[in-house]
Amino acid sequence: MKKILLSGMAFTILSTALVGCGAKENFQQLVQTDTEQFRAFFAKRFTGVEFADYSNGVYAIDPDSREQWLEIEEFPPYEFNIDRGKELFETPFVNGKTYGECFPNGGIGIRQNYPQFDAEAKEVVTLELAINRCRTANGEPELNYKSGGLVDISAYMAFTSRDKPFAIGVPNEDAYKAYLAGQKLFYSKHGQLNLACADCHMRASGQRLRADIPGPALGQATGFPVYRSKWEGMGSLHYRYAGCMRDIRAKPFALQSEQFRNLEYFQTIMGNGLTVNGPSARK
């Protein structure tokens, strides 16, 4: 029955969105309807969980995992990453300019504004993409999107934004098309296992799959970048996306590909109102 309900909800969301795709005056209302339905699914599934707690991922729904996580957070394994990120962020480029000159408010306390839609370029821009574009604009080479220096900078910028609520907008019809593309990827089946993001993080959320309990899709983007013991270090949201695709035996899209950026855009919009709690520790 749960599987049928989820399939029906996904069909309703996609059908409603696609019908309104050409109706410019309706797209914001359609996004609002999608958001309400998405949240209602989890409100019904996890009746004792407050909306604000979804920023904590699986730790919002699994008491045993939460207890272990709280112990880890007493001595966060990502503290050194924040320190390195701050040092890198404040170190001038060869031309004497800094990261802060590329962002509003000097790059401090702005994580909640990403990903955002660039109306001129007609694309979704994530924080990590913006960091690398800042570098190339100042004559510096790009950093690796998987881990390392760029993720440390992203971790520091997220840290300066903790407790600030996400409020990602869909400002125009081009943005709505990107949102729909991300939504479609979230609900579409992939790989040899024929699974979608929604299969694990909606239908199977809270249930045990082998040794793991999939966390709810609501709020997944708020805590990144994250430290995972499996990685033995910090990693980006898109690195996690790629790992999920490999797990279902699908070929991952490139990190910061249009597909993953649109997926992040959709997921973050579904969690609007939740607060930044990155960097964080996750399983």
C-alpha atoms as a PDB file:
ATOM      1  CA  MET A   1       0.000   0.000   0.000  1.00  0.00           C
ATOM      2  CA  LYS A   2       2.821   2.428   0.856  1.00  0.00           C
ATOM      3  CA  LYS A   3       4.393   1.765  -2.505  1.00  0.00           C
ATOM      4  CA  ILE A   4       1.117   2.538  -4.253  1.00  0.00           C
ATOM      5  CA  LEU A   5       0.649   5.741  -2.266  1.00  0.00           C
ATOM      6  CA  LEU A   6       4.142   6.939  -3.096  1.00  0.00           C
ATOM      7  CA  SER A   7       3.743   6.158  -6.782  1.00  0.00           C
ATOM      8  CA  GLY A   8       0.463   8.008  -6.808  1.00  0.00           C
ATOM      9  CA  MET A   9       1.956  11.019  -5.106  1.00  0.00           C
ATOM     10  CA  ALA A  10       4.888  11.143  -7.512  1.00  0.00           C
ATOM     11  CA  PHE A  11       2.530  10.846 -10.465  1.00  0.00           C
ATOM     12  CA  THR A  12       0.345  13.642  -9.100  1.00  0.00           C
ATOM     13  CA  ILE A  13       3.309  15.929  -8.535  1.00  0.00           C
ATOM     14  CA  LEU A  14       4.813  15.344 -11.946  1.00  0.00           C
ATOM     15  CA  SER A  15       1.501  15.527 -13.768  1.00  0.00           C
ATOM     16  CA  THR A  16       0.514  18.765 -12.066  1.00  0.00           C
ATOM     17  CA  ALA A  17       3.879  20.293 -12.803  1.00  0.00           C
ATOM     18  CA  LEU A  18       3.955  19.268 -16.423  1.00  0.00           C
ATOM     19  CA  VAL A  19       0.434  20.499 -17.088  1.00  0.00           C
ATOM     20  CA  GLY A  20       1.412  23.913 -15.768  1.00  0.00           C
ATOM     21  CA  CYS A  21       4.768  24.094 -17.511  1.00  0.00           C
ATOM     22  CA  GLY A  22       3.511  26.534 -20.113  1.00  0.00           C
ATOM     23  CA  ALA A  23       1.465  28.602 -17.685  1.00  0.00           C
ATOM     24  CA  LYS A  24       3.977  31.152 -16.441  1.00  0.00           C
ATOM     25  CA  GLU A  25       1.600  32.667 -13.928  1.00  0.00           C
ATOM     26  CA  ASN A  26       1.045  29.287 -12.226  1.00  0.00           C
ATOM     27  CA  PHE A  27       4.516  27.824 -11.714  1.00  0.00           C
ATOM     28  CA  GLN A  28       5.117  29.250  -8.253  1.00  0.00           C
ATOM     29  CA  GLN A  29       1.804  27.886  -7.032  1.00  0.00           C
ATOM     30  CA  LEU A  30       2.678  24.504  -8.517  1.00  0.00           C
ATOM     31  CA  VAL A  31       5.976  24.478  -6.631  1.00  0.00           C
ATOM     32  CA  GLN A  32       4.110  25.340  -3.437  1.00  0.00           C
ATOM     33  CA  THR A  33       1.695  22.460  -4.019  1.00  0.00           C
ATOM     34  CA  ASP A  34       4.575  20.067  -4.640  1.00  0.00           C
ATOM     35  CA  THR A  35       6.251  21.221  -1.432  1.00  0.00           C
ATOM     36  CA  GLU A  36       3.111  20.732   0.643  1.00  0.00           C
ATOM     37  CA  GLN A  37       2.565  17.214  -0.738  1.00  0.00           C
ATOM     38  CA  PHE A  38       6.221  16.282  -0.220  1.00  0.00           C
ATOM     39  CA  ARG A  39       6.170  17.386   3.412  1.00  0.00           C
ATOM     40  CA  ALA A  40       2.777  15.817   4.052  1.00  0.00           C
ATOM     41  CA  PHE A  41       4.208  12.440   3.071  1.00  0.00           C
ATOM     42  CA  PHE A  42       6.832  12.614   5.818  1.00  0.00           C
ATOM     43  CA  ALA A  43       4.471  14.174   8.352  1.00  0.00           C
ATOM     44  CA  LYS A  44       2.226  11.143   7.944  1.00  0.00           C
ATOM     45  CA  ARG A  45       5.081   8.640   7.899  1.00  0.00           C
ATOM     46  CA  PHE A  46       6.944   9.992  10.941  1.00  0.00           C
ATOM     47  CA  THR A  47       4.231  11.472  13.090  1.00  0.00           C
ATOM     48  CA  GLY A  48       6.453  12.290  16.056  1.00  0.00           C
ATOM     49  CA  VAL A  49       9.109  14.217  14.130  1.00  0.00           C
ATOM     50  CA  GLU A  50       9.038  18.010  14.149  1.00  0.00           C
ATOM     51  CA  PHE A  51       9.635  19.689  10.790  1.00  0.00           C
ATOM     52  CA  ALA A  52      12.756  21.512  12.048  1.00  0.00           C
ATOM     53  CA  ASP A  53      14.407  18.206  12.993  1.00  0.00           C
ATOM     54  CA  TYR A  54      14.521  16.984   9.395  1.00  0.00           C
ATOM     55  CA  SER A  55      17.705  18.969   8.930  1.00  0.00           C
ATOM     56  CA  ASN A  56      19.380  16.175  10.937  1.00  0.00           C
ATOM     57  CA  GLY A  57      18.770  13.495   8.320  1.00  0.00           C
ATOM     58  CA  VAL A  58      18.382   9.930   9.534  1.00  0.00           C
ATOM     59  CA  TYR A  59      19.081  11.100  13.093  1.00  0.00           C
ATOM     60  CA  ALA A  60      15.654  12.729  13.109  1.00  0.00           C
ATOM     61  CA  ILE A  61      13.902   9.376  12.756  1.00  0.00           C
ATOM     62  CA  ASP A  62      16.178   6.743  14.341  1.00  0.00           C
ATOM     63  CA  PRO A  63      16.778   7.150  18.104  1.00  0.00           C
ATOM     64  CA  ASP A  64      19.711   4.716  18.242  1.00  0.00           C
ATOM     65  CA  SER A  65      21.555   6.435  15.404  1.00  0.00           C
ATOM     66  CA  ARG A  66      20.778   9.825  16.935  1.00  0.00           C
ATOM     67  CA  GLU A  67      22.380   8.865  20.247  1.00  0.00           C
ATOM     68  CA  GLN A  68      25.585   7.814  18.506  1.00  0.00           C
ATOM     69  CA  TRP A  69      25.560  10.973  16.393  1.00  0.00           C
ATOM     70  CA  LEU A  70      25.191  13.249  19.433  1.00  0.00           C
ATOM     71  CA  GLU A  71      28.233  11.600  20.974  1.00  0.00           C
ATOM     72  CA  ILE A  72      30.214  12.205  17.765  1.00  0.00           C
ATOM     73  CA  GLU A  73      29.117  15.841  17.669  1.00  0.00           C
ATOM     74  CA  GLU A  74      30.684  16.444  21.090  1.00  0.00           C
ATOM     75  CA  PHE A  75      34.060  16.253  19.322  1.00  0.00           C
ATOM     76  CA  PRO A  76      33.160  16.917  15.665  1.00  0.00           C
ATOM     77  CA  PRO A  77      35.484  15.164  13.213  1.00  0.00           C
ATOM     78  CA  TYR A  78      35.075  18.046  10.768  1.00  0.00           C
ATOM     79  CA  GLU A  79      36.495  20.815  13.003  1.00  0.00           C
ATOM     80  CA  PHE A  80      39.867  20.705  11.265  1.00  0.00           C
ATOM     81  CA  ASN A  81      38.101  21.013   7.905  1.00  0.00           C
ATOM     82  CA  ILE A  82      36.409  24.207   9.065  1.00  0.00           C
ATOM     83  CA  ASP A  83      39.759  25.605  10.203  1.00  0.00           C
ATOM     84  CA  ARG A  84      41.447  24.694   6.902  1.00  0.00           C
ATOM     85  CA  GLY A  85      38.507  26.113   4.979  1.00  0.00           C
ATOM     86  CA  LYS A  86      38.730  29.422   6.851  1.00  0.00           C
ATOM     87  CA  GLU A  87      42.450  29.643   6.148  1.00  0.00           C
ATOM     88  CA  LEU A  88      41.959  28.920   2.452  1.00  0.00           C
ATOM     89  CA  PHE A  89      39.008  31.316   2.235  1.00  0.00           C
ATOM     90  CA  GLU A  90      41.040  34.168   3.692  1.00  0.00           C
ATOM     91  CA  THR A  91      44.229  33.493   1.702  1.00  0.00           C
ATOM     92  CA  PRO A  92      44.498  35.966  -1.217  1.00  0.00           C
ATOM     93  CA  PHE A  93      44.807  34.743  -4.785  1.00  0.00           C
ATOM     94  CA  VAL A  94      47.967  35.506  -6.742  1.00  0.00           C
ATOM     95  CA  ASN A  95      46.280  38.679  -8.019  1.00  0.00           C
ATOM     96  CA  GLY A  96      45.671  39.855  -4.454  1.00  0.00           C
ATOM     97  CA  LYS A  97      41.903  39.380  -4.442  1.00  0.00           C
ATOM     98  CA  THR A  98      40.000  36.974  -2.185  1.00  0.00           C
ATOM     99  CA  TYR A  99      36.980  34.675  -2.225  1.00  0.00           C
ATOM    100  CA  GLY A 100      35.056  37.217  -0.211  1.00  0.00           C
ATOM    101  CA  GLU A 101      35.089  39.649  -3.134  1.00  0.00           C
ATOM    102  CA  CYS A 102      33.121  37.169  -5.244  1.00  0.00           C
ATOM    103  CA  PHE A 103      30.150  36.916  -2.888  1.00  0.00           C
ATOM    104  CA  PRO A 104      27.616  39.150  -1.152  1.00  0.00           C
ATOM    105  CA  ASN A 105      28.482  39.975   2.469  1.00  0.00           C
ATOM    106  CA  GLY A 106      32.044  38.897   1.839  1.00  0.00           C
ATOM    107  CA  GLY A 107      30.896  35.279   1.561  1.00  0.00           C
ATOM    108  CA  ILE A 108      29.966  35.089   5.237  1.00  0.00           C
ATOM    109  CA  GLY A 109      26.527  33.791   6.257  1.00  0.00           C
ATOM    110  CA  ILE A 110      25.246  33.139   2.732  1.00  0.00           C
ATOM    111  CA  ARG A 111      25.085  29.331   2.455  1.00  0.00           C
ATOM    112  CA  GLN A 112      21.295  29.410   2.794  1.00  0.00           C
ATOM    113  CA  ASN A 113      21.064  31.249  -0.546  1.00  0.00           C
ATOM    114  CA  TYR A 114      22.425  28.295  -2.529  1.00  0.00           C
ATOM    115  CA  PRO A 115      21.730  26.682  -4.866  1.00  0.00           C
ATOM    116  CA  GLN A 116      20.309  29.635  -6.741  1.00  0.00           C
ATOM    117  CA  PHE A 117      19.121  30.128 -10.284  1.00  0.00           C
ATOM    118  CA  ASP A 118      21.232  32.408 -12.484  1.00  0.00           C
ATOM    119  CA  ALA A 119      18.681  34.099 -14.735  1.00  0.00           C
ATOM    120  CA  GLU A 120      21.308  35.391 -17.152  1.00  0.00           C
ATOM    121  CA  ALA A 121      23.091  32.061 -17.608  1.00  0.00           C
ATOM    122  CA  LYS A 122      19.791  30.153 -17.286  1.00  0.00           C
ATOM    123  CA  GLU A 123      21.241  27.551 -14.955  1.00  0.00           C
ATOM    124  CA  VAL A 124      21.377  26.465 -11.342  1.00  0.00           C
ATOM    125  CA  VAL A 125      24.503  27.602  -9.500  1.00  0.00           C
ATOM    126  CA  THR A 126      25.527  25.692  -6.383  1.00  0.00           C
ATOM    127  CA  LEU A 127      27.865  27.079  -3.736  1.00  0.00           C
ATOM    128  CA  GLU A 128      30.669  24.749  -4.846  1.00  0.00           C
ATOM    129  CA  LEU A 129      30.283  25.812  -8.467  1.00  0.00           C
ATOM    130  CA  ALA A 130      30.329  29.470  -7.411  1.00  0.00           C
ATOM    131  CA  ILE A 131      33.538  28.905  -5.418  1.00  0.00           C
ATOM    132  CA  ASN A 132      35.313  27.397  -8.410  1.00  0.00           C
ATOM    133  CA  ARG A 133      34.025  30.113 -10.723  1.00  0.00           C
ATOM    134  CA  CYS A 134      35.436  32.645  -8.307  1.00  0.00           C
ATOM    135  CA  ARG A 135      38.780  30.921  -8.620  1.00  0.00           C
ATOM    136  CA  THR A 136      38.816  30.814 -12.421  1.00  0.00           C
ATOM    137  CA  ALA A 137      37.682  34.452 -12.610  1.00  0.00           C
ATOM    138  CA  ASN A 138      40.795  35.301 -10.613  1.00  0.00           C
ATOM    139  CA  GLY A 139      43.187  33.206 -12.676  1.00  0.00           C
ATOM    140  CA  GLU A 140      43.277  30.209 -10.336  1.00  0.00           C
ATOM    141  CA  PRO A 141      42.748  26.554 -11.353  1.00  0.00           C
ATOM    142  CA  GLU A 142      39.562  24.750 -10.348  1.00  0.00           C
ATOM    143  CA  LEU A 143      39.552  22.572  -7.245  1.00  0.00           C
ATOM    144  CA  ASN A 144      38.233  19.007  -7.063  1.00  0.00           C
ATOM    145  CA  TYR A 145      34.481  18.843  -6.458  1.00  0.00           C
ATOM    146  CA  LYS A 146      34.686  15.561  -4.570  1.00  0.00           C
ATOM    147  CA  SER A 147      36.715  16.513  -1.498  1.00  0.00           C
ATOM    148  CA  GLY A 148      39.766  18.469  -0.427  1.00  0.00           C
ATOM    149  CA  GLY A 149      40.220  22.229  -0.465  1.00  0.00           C
ATOM    150  CA  LEU A 150      36.968  23.162  -2.159  1.00  0.00           C
ATOM    151  CA  VAL A 151      34.925  21.071   0.261  1.00  0.00           C
ATOM    152  CA  ASP A 152      36.806  22.626   3.194  1.00  0.00           C
ATOM    153  CA  ILE A 153      35.959  26.120   1.926  1.00  0.00           C
ATOM    154  CA  SER A 154      32.341  25.075   1.471  1.00  0.00           C
ATOM    155  CA  ALA A 155      32.349  23.648   5.017  1.00  0.00           C
ATOM    156  CA  TYR A 156      33.637  26.921   6.451  1.00  0.00           C
ATOM    157  CA  MET A 157      31.069  28.966   4.525  1.00  0.00           C
ATOM    158  CA  ALA A 158      28.301  26.637   5.718  1.00  0.00           C
ATOM    159  CA  PHE A 159      29.555  26.962   9.294  1.00  0.00           C
ATOM    160  CA  THR A 160      29.202  30.748   9.115  1.00  0.00           C
ATOM    161  CA  SER A 161      25.566  30.259   8.065  1.00  0.00           C
ATOM    162  CA  ARG A 162      24.441  27.813  10.738  1.00  0.00           C
ATOM    163  CA  ASP A 163      20.842  28.212  11.864  1.00  0.00           C
ATOM    164  CA  LYS A 164      19.958  30.427   8.911  1.00  0.00           C
ATOM    165  CA  PRO A 165      16.847  29.127   7.078  1.00  0.00           C
ATOM    166  CA  PHE A 166      16.927  28.125   3.435  1.00  0.00           C
ATOM    167  CA  ALA A 167      14.653  30.199   1.223  1.00  0.00           C
ATOM    168  CA  ILE A 168      15.467  29.136  -2.327  1.00  0.00           C
ATOM    169  CA  GLY A 169      13.254  30.760  -4.922  1.00  0.00           C
ATOM    170  CA  VAL A 170      11.998  29.800  -8.364  1.00  0.00           C
ATOM    171  CA  PRO A 171      12.123  33.258  -9.924  1.00  0.00           C
ATOM    172  CA  ASN A 172      11.125  32.591 -13.525  1.00  0.00           C
ATOM    173  CA  GLU A 173       9.994  29.970 -16.010  1.00  0.00           C
ATOM    174  CA  ASP A 174      13.554  28.885 -16.834  1.00  0.00           C
ATOM    175  CA  ALA A 175      14.127  28.235 -13.137  1.00  0.00           C
ATOM    176  CA  TYR A 176      10.921  26.240 -13.036  1.00  0.00           C
ATOM    177  CA  LYS A 177      12.158  24.053 -15.894  1.00  0.00           C
ATOM    178  CA  ALA A 178      15.362  23.366 -13.934  1.00  0.00           C
ATOM    179  CA  TYR A 179      13.250  22.550 -10.882  1.00  0.00           C
ATOM    180  CA  LEU A 180      11.151  20.115 -12.939  1.00  0.00           C
ATOM    181  CA  ALA A 181      14.288  18.464 -14.289  1.00  0.00           C
ATOM    182  CA  GLY A 182      15.537  17.919 -10.744  1.00  0.00           C
ATOM    183  CA  GLN A 183      12.141  16.623  -9.667  1.00  0.00           C
ATOM    184  CA  LYS A 184      12.049  14.186 -12.570  1.00  0.00           C
ATOM    185  CA  LEU A 185      15.506  12.854 -11.716  1.00  0.00           C
ATOM    186  CA  PHE A 186      14.435  12.366  -8.089  1.00  0.00           C
ATOM    187  CA  TYR A 187      11.472  10.169  -9.064  1.00  0.00           C
ATOM    188  CA  SER A 188      12.988   8.398 -12.100  1.00  0.00           C
ATOM    189  CA  LYS A 189      14.303   4.824 -11.989  1.00  0.00           C
ATOM    190  CA  HIS A 190      17.988   4.239 -12.722  1.00  0.00           C
ATOM    191  CA  GLY A 191      20.557   1.485 -12.901  1.00  0.00           C
ATOM    192  CA  GLN A 192      20.419  -2.287 -12.901  1.00  0.00           C
ATOM    193  CA  LEU A 193      18.484  -2.231  -9.625  1.00  0.00           C
ATOM    194  CA  ASN A 194      15.866   0.033 -11.213  1.00  0.00           C
ATOM    195  CA  LEU A 195      15.609   2.379  -8.242  1.00  0.00           C
ATOM    196  CA  ALA A 196      14.880   6.068  -7.820  1.00  0.00           C
ATOM    197  CA  CYS A 197      15.953   8.483  -5.083  1.00  0.00           C
ATOM    198  CA  ALA A 198      12.327   8.377  -3.913  1.00  0.00           C
ATOM    199  CA  ASP A 199      12.393   4.582  -3.526  1.00  0.00           C
ATOM    200  CA  CYS A 200      15.081   4.679  -0.848  1.00  0.00           C
ATOM    201  CA  HIS A 201      14.496   8.077   0.736  1.00  0.00           C
ATOM    202  CA  MET A 202      10.704   8.146   0.696  1.00  0.00           C
ATOM    203  CA  ARG A 203       9.195   4.667   0.405  1.00  0.00           C
ATOM    204  CA  ALA A 204      12.000   2.899   2.332  1.00  0.00           C
ATOM    205  CA  SER A 205      12.931   5.767   4.647  1.00  0.00           C
ATOM    206  CA  GLY A 206      13.160   4.574   8.229  1.00  0.00           C
ATOM    207  CA  GLN A 207      13.294   0.913   7.216  1.00  0.00           C
ATOM    208  CA  ARG A 208      16.386  -1.234   7.409  1.00  0.00           C
ATOM    209  CA  LEU A 209      18.096  -2.002   4.103  1.00  0.00           C
ATOM    210  CA  ARG A 210      20.907  -4.418   4.845  1.00  0.00           C
ATOM    211  CA  ALA A 211      22.850  -2.663   7.626  1.00  0.00           C
ATOM    212  CA  ASP A 212      21.579   0.842   6.898  1.00  0.00           C
ATOM    213  CA  ILE A 213      18.450   2.871   7.511  1.00  0.00           C
ATOM    214  CA  PRO A 214      17.799   5.315   4.643  1.00  0.00           C
ATOM    215  CA  GLY A 215      17.206   8.825   5.881  1.00  0.00           C
ATOM    216  CA  PRO A 216      14.249  10.917   4.740  1.00  0.00           C
ATOM    217  CA  ALA A 217      14.672  12.947   1.565  1.00  0.00           C
ATOM    218  CA  LEU A 218      13.291  15.992   3.336  1.00  0.00           C
ATOM    219  CA  GLY A 219      16.225  18.060   4.591  1.00  0.00           C
ATOM    220  CA  GLN A 220      18.966  15.925   3.051  1.00  0.00           C
ATOM    221  CA  ALA A 221      20.778  18.901   1.534  1.00  0.00           C
ATOM    222  CA  THR A 222      20.962  21.044   4.675  1.00  0.00           C
ATOM    223  CA  GLY A 223      23.959  19.403   6.356  1.00  0.00           C
ATOM    224  CA  PHE A 224      26.464  19.220   3.516  1.00  0.00           C
ATOM    225  CA  PRO A 225      29.340  18.973   3.157  1.00  0.00           C
ATOM    226  CA  VAL A 226      29.524  16.046   5.562  1.00  0.00           C
ATOM    227  CA  TYR A 227      32.091  13.908   7.290  1.00  0.00           C
ATOM    228  CA  ARG A 228      31.481  10.191   6.753  1.00  0.00           C
ATOM    229  CA  SER A 229      33.496   7.456   8.427  1.00  0.00           C
ATOM    230  CA  LYS A 230      33.125   5.440   5.215  1.00  0.00           C
ATOM    231  CA  TRP A 231      34.953   8.205   3.356  1.00  0.00           C
ATOM    232  CA  GLU A 232      37.391   8.826   6.200  1.00  0.00           C
ATOM    233  CA  GLY A 233      36.896  12.499   5.578  1.00  0.00           C
ATOM    234  CA  MET A 234      34.650  15.227   4.209  1.00  0.00           C
ATOM    235  CA  GLY A 235      32.713  15.012   0.978  1.00  0.00           C
ATOM    236  CA  SER A 236      30.256  17.039  -1.047  1.00  0.00           C
ATOM    237  CA  LEU A 237      26.566  16.474  -1.685  1.00  0.00           C
ATOM    238  CA  HIS A 238      27.242  15.611  -5.319  1.00  0.00           C
ATOM    239  CA  TYR A 239      29.822  13.034  -4.273  1.00  0.00           C
ATOM    240  CA  ARG A 240      27.051  11.477  -2.177  1.00  0.00           C
ATOM    241  CA  TYR A 241      24.682  11.586  -5.162  1.00  0.00           C
ATOM    242  CA  ALA A 242      27.289   9.788  -7.269  1.00  0.00           C
ATOM    243  CA  GLY A 243      27.748   7.159  -4.561  1.00  0.00           C
ATOM    244  CA  CYS A 244      24.020   6.488  -4.473  1.00  0.00           C
ATOM    245  CA  MET A 245      23.960   5.984  -8.225  1.00  0.00           C
ATOM    246  CA  ARG A 246      26.854   3.553  -8.041  1.00  0.00           C
ATOM    247  CA  ASP A 247      25.041   1.666  -5.279  1.00  0.00           C
ATOM    248  CA  ILE A 248      22.098   1.041  -7.603  1.00  0.00           C
ATOM    249  CA  ARG A 249      24.513   0.071 -10.390  1.00  0.00           C
ATOM    250  CA  ALA A 250      23.952   3.151 -12.480  1.00  0.00           C
ATOM    251  CA  LYS A 251      26.579   5.311 -14.134  1.00  0.00           C
ATOM    252  CA  PRO A 252      26.790   8.524 -12.091  1.00  0.00           C
ATOM    253  CA  PHE A 253      26.560  11.939 -13.654  1.00  0.00           C
ATOM    254  CA  ALA A 254      29.622  14.134 -13.290  1.00  0.00           C
ATOM    255  CA  LEU A 255      29.926  16.106 -10.059  1.00  0.00           C
ATOM    256  CA  GLN A 256      28.376  19.555 -10.629  1.00  0.00           C
ATOM    257  CA  SER A 257      26.720  18.312 -13.808  1.00  0.00           C
ATOM    258  CA  GLU A 258      23.491  20.024 -14.801  1.00  0.00           C
ATOM    259  CA  GLN A 259      21.590  16.922 -13.672  1.00  0.00           C
ATOM    260  CA  PHE A 260      23.008  16.931 -10.132  1.00  0.00           C
ATOM    261  CA  ARG A 261      22.679  20.707  -9.798  1.00  0.00           C
ATOM    262  CA  ASN A 262      19.011  20.507 -10.755  1.00  0.00           C
ATOM    263  CA  LEU A 263      18.503  17.641  -8.300  1.00  0.00           C
ATOM    264  CA  GLU A 264      20.069  19.700  -5.509  1.00  0.00           C
ATOM    265  CA  TYR A 265      17.835  22.628  -6.492  1.00  0.00           C
ATOM    266  CA  PHE A 266      14.688  20.513  -6.231  1.00  0.00           C
ATOM    267  CA  GLN A 267      15.688  18.881  -2.954  1.00  0.00           C
ATOM    268  CA  THR A 268      16.672  22.141  -1.311  1.00  0.00           C
ATOM    269  CA  ILE A 269      13.402  23.805  -2.320  1.00  0.00           C
ATOM    270  CA  MET A 270      11.477  20.929  -0.758  1.00  0.00           C
ATOM    271  CA  GLY A 271      13.318  21.747   2.490  1.00  0.00           C
ATOM    272  CA  ASN A 272      12.852  25.517   2.418  1.00  0.00           C
ATOM    273  CA  GLY A 273      12.469  26.785   5.957  1.00  0.00           C
ATOM    274  CA  LEU A 274      14.877  24.226   7.410  1.00  0.00           C
ATOM    275  CA  THR A 275      18.121  25.698   8.676  1.00  0.00           C
ATOM    276  CA  VAL A 276      21.737  25.246   7.645  1.00  0.00           C
ATOM    277  CA  ASN A 277      23.476  22.748   9.907  1.00  0.00           C
ATOM    278  CA  GLY A 278      26.496  21.956   7.790  1.00  0.00           C
ATOM    279  CA  PRO A 279      29.123  20.819   7.983  1.00  0.00           C
ATOM    280  CA  SER A 280      27.907  17.759   9.797  1.00  0.00           C
ATOM    281  CA  ALA A 281      28.680  14.109  10.466  1.00  0.00           C
ATOM    282  CA  ARG A 282      26.706  11.393   8.731  1.00  0.00           C
ATOM    283  CA  LYS A 283      26.957   7.628   8.444  1.00  0.00           C
END
